[in-house]
Amino acid sequence: MAAIDADIEEIETTVQHDVAGFEKDVDDTIEGDINAAKENARLAKERRESKINAIKLNARMKADVLKEKFAQRNDAKDKVAMESYIIDLLDYAECCQQIAFTTATEADMALLEAAQTAAEYKERFGEEEEVE
């Protein structure tokens, strides 16, 4: 009977040790996945900000040129000058559309980042508490 109890105790110790090792491996994997997701989100945010800044700079430069042309529009009475003015306005409108698209993309990225953070929140603190 003592031998059986010793065997059972040895088996329980081995199982507890194996379970603890498995839990640590799972925790390490989850932590690694979270860190990778955070790094991917950070890199995506940097790329997005860089693209947005480039588009904004381009739009500002075109806007400055257009402001000069707006000031000169009263002087642009002949047909060729008016056609050029219309083309410039269309270019400006295209830049504005690009900024709107980029801003919408940034909103999507913010939603994704919020979802990631919410998942991390649930993982850390459980689902009992609600985020307002």
Protein backbone atom coordinates (compact mmCIF):
# COMPACT_ATOMS: atom_id res chain seq x y z
CA MET A 1 0.00 0.00 0.00
CA ALA A 2 2.86 2.38 0.85
CA ALA A 3 4.48 1.56 -2.49
CA ILE A 4 1.26 2.41 -4.33
CA ASP A 5 0.93 5.69 -2.41
CA ALA A 6 4.54 6.54 -3.28
CA ASP A 7 3.88 5.76 -6.97
CA ILE A 8 0.73 7.88 -6.95
CA GLU A 9 2.57 10.74 -5.26
CA GLU A 10 5.40 10.49 -7.83
CA ILE A 11 2.87 10.52 -10.69
CA GLU A 12 1.05 13.55 -9.20
CA THR A 13 4.37 15.39 -8.82
CA THR A 14 5.32 14.62 -12.42
CA VAL A 15 1.90 15.72 -13.69
CA GLN A 16 2.04 18.95 -11.69
CA HIS A 17 5.52 19.64 -13.02
CA ASP A 18 4.41 18.94 -16.62
CA VAL A 19 1.30 21.13 -16.23
CA ALA A 20 3.37 23.98 -14.81
CA GLY A 21 5.80 23.71 -17.73
CA PHE A 22 2.92 23.65 -20.22
CA GLU A 23 1.30 26.71 -18.59
CA LYS A 24 4.62 28.59 -18.78
CA ASP A 25 4.99 27.66 -22.47
CA VAL A 26 1.44 28.86 -23.18
CA ASP A 27 2.05 32.10 -21.25
CA ASP A 28 5.31 32.68 -23.15
CA THR A 29 3.58 32.05 -26.47
CA ILE A 30 0.71 34.42 -25.63
CA GLU A 31 3.15 37.09 -24.46
CA GLY A 32 5.18 36.68 -27.66
CA ASP A 33 2.03 36.95 -29.79
CA ILE A 34 0.93 40.08 -27.93
CA ASN A 35 4.37 41.65 -28.32
CA ALA A 36 4.43 40.79 -32.03
CA ALA A 37 0.94 42.27 -32.49
CA LYS A 38 1.98 45.44 -30.66
CA GLU A 39 5.10 45.77 -32.82
CA ASN A 40 3.08 45.20 -36.00
CA ALA A 41 0.57 47.83 -34.90
CA ARG A 42 3.38 50.28 -34.09
CA LEU A 43 5.03 49.74 -37.48
CA ALA A 44 1.71 50.08 -39.30
CA LYS A 45 1.02 53.30 -37.42
CA GLU A 46 4.45 54.70 -38.37
CA ARG A 47 3.93 53.80 -42.04
CA ARG A 48 0.43 55.28 -41.98
CA GLU A 49 1.66 58.50 -40.36
CA SER A 50 4.49 58.79 -42.87
CA LYS A 51 2.09 58.37 -45.80
CA ILE A 52 -0.37 60.83 -44.30
CA ASN A 53 2.37 63.41 -43.74
CA ALA A 54 3.61 63.01 -47.32
CA ILE A 55 0.09 63.44 -48.70
CA LYS A 56 -0.55 66.44 -46.45
CA LEU A 57 2.73 68.05 -47.52
CA ASN A 58 1.89 67.47 -51.18
CA ALA A 59 -1.59 68.91 -50.66
CA ARG A 60 -0.19 71.93 -48.81
CA MET A 61 2.29 72.61 -51.60
CA LYS A 62 -0.45 72.36 -54.22
CA ALA A 63 -2.73 74.51 -52.05
CA ASP A 64 -0.05 77.20 -51.83
CA VAL A 65 0.33 77.20 -55.59
CA LEU A 66 -3.43 77.31 -56.00
CA LYS A 67 -3.73 80.21 -53.56
CA GLU A 68 -1.40 82.18 -55.80
CA LYS A 69 -3.46 81.21 -58.81
CA PHE A 70 -6.69 82.09 -56.97
CA ALA A 71 -5.30 85.58 -56.46
CA GLN A 72 -4.55 85.77 -60.17
CA ARG A 73 -7.86 84.31 -61.37
CA ASN A 74 -9.44 87.69 -61.96
CA ASP A 75 -6.63 88.37 -64.40
CA ALA A 76 -7.14 85.01 -66.18
CA LYS A 77 -9.68 86.06 -68.75
CA ASP A 78 -8.54 84.24 -71.84
CA LYS A 79 -9.57 80.66 -72.64
CA VAL A 80 -6.17 78.97 -72.10
CA ALA A 81 -5.68 80.54 -68.68
CA MET A 82 -9.18 79.49 -67.59
CA GLU A 83 -8.59 75.89 -68.74
CA SER A 84 -5.37 75.77 -66.74
CA TYR A 85 -7.21 77.17 -63.73
CA ILE A 86 -9.88 74.42 -64.00
CA ILE A 87 -7.20 71.70 -64.23
CA ASP A 88 -5.49 73.09 -61.12
CA LEU A 89 -8.79 73.06 -59.23
CA LEU A 90 -9.35 69.44 -60.25
CA ASP A 91 -5.84 68.54 -59.05
CA TYR A 92 -6.56 70.23 -55.74
CA ALA A 93 -9.85 68.32 -55.42
CA GLU A 94 -7.96 65.06 -56.06
CA CYS A 95 -5.52 65.88 -53.26
CA CYS A 96 -8.43 66.55 -50.93
CA GLN A 97 -9.90 63.16 -51.86
CA GLN A 98 -6.56 61.48 -51.10
CA ILE A 99 -6.47 63.10 -47.68
CA ALA A 100 -10.05 61.95 -47.02
CA PHE A 101 -9.18 58.39 -48.05
CA THR A 102 -6.06 58.40 -45.89
CA THR A 103 -8.02 59.72 -42.93
CA ALA A 104 -10.62 56.97 -43.39
CA THR A 105 -7.81 54.41 -43.51
CA GLU A 106 -6.38 55.85 -40.32
CA ALA A 107 -9.80 55.51 -38.68
CA ASP A 108 -9.86 51.83 -39.69
CA MET A 109 -6.39 51.32 -38.19
CA ALA A 110 -7.51 53.02 -34.97
CA LEU A 111 -10.47 50.62 -34.76
CA LEU A 112 -8.17 47.65 -35.26
CA GLU A 113 -5.81 48.92 -32.60
CA ALA A 114 -8.76 49.41 -30.23
CA ALA A 115 -9.89 45.83 -30.87
CA GLN A 116 -6.39 44.54 -30.18
CA THR A 117 -6.18 46.51 -26.96
CA ALA A 118 -9.65 45.30 -25.92
CA ALA A 119 -8.55 41.70 -26.48
CA GLU A 120 -5.46 42.30 -24.38
CA TYR A 121 -7.63 43.92 -21.71
CA LYS A 122 -9.94 40.89 -21.61
CA GLU A 123 -6.95 38.60 -21.43
CA ARG A 124 -5.41 40.49 -18.52
CA PHE A 125 -8.46 41.43 -16.49
CA GLY A 126 -11.16 39.02 -17.62
CA GLU A 127 -14.54 39.75 -19.05
CA GLU A 128 -16.32 40.58 -15.79
CA GLU A 129 -15.45 44.27 -15.98
CA GLU A 130 -16.82 46.39 -18.82
CA VAL A 131 -14.88 49.14 -20.60
CA GLU A 132 -16.84 52.37 -20.99
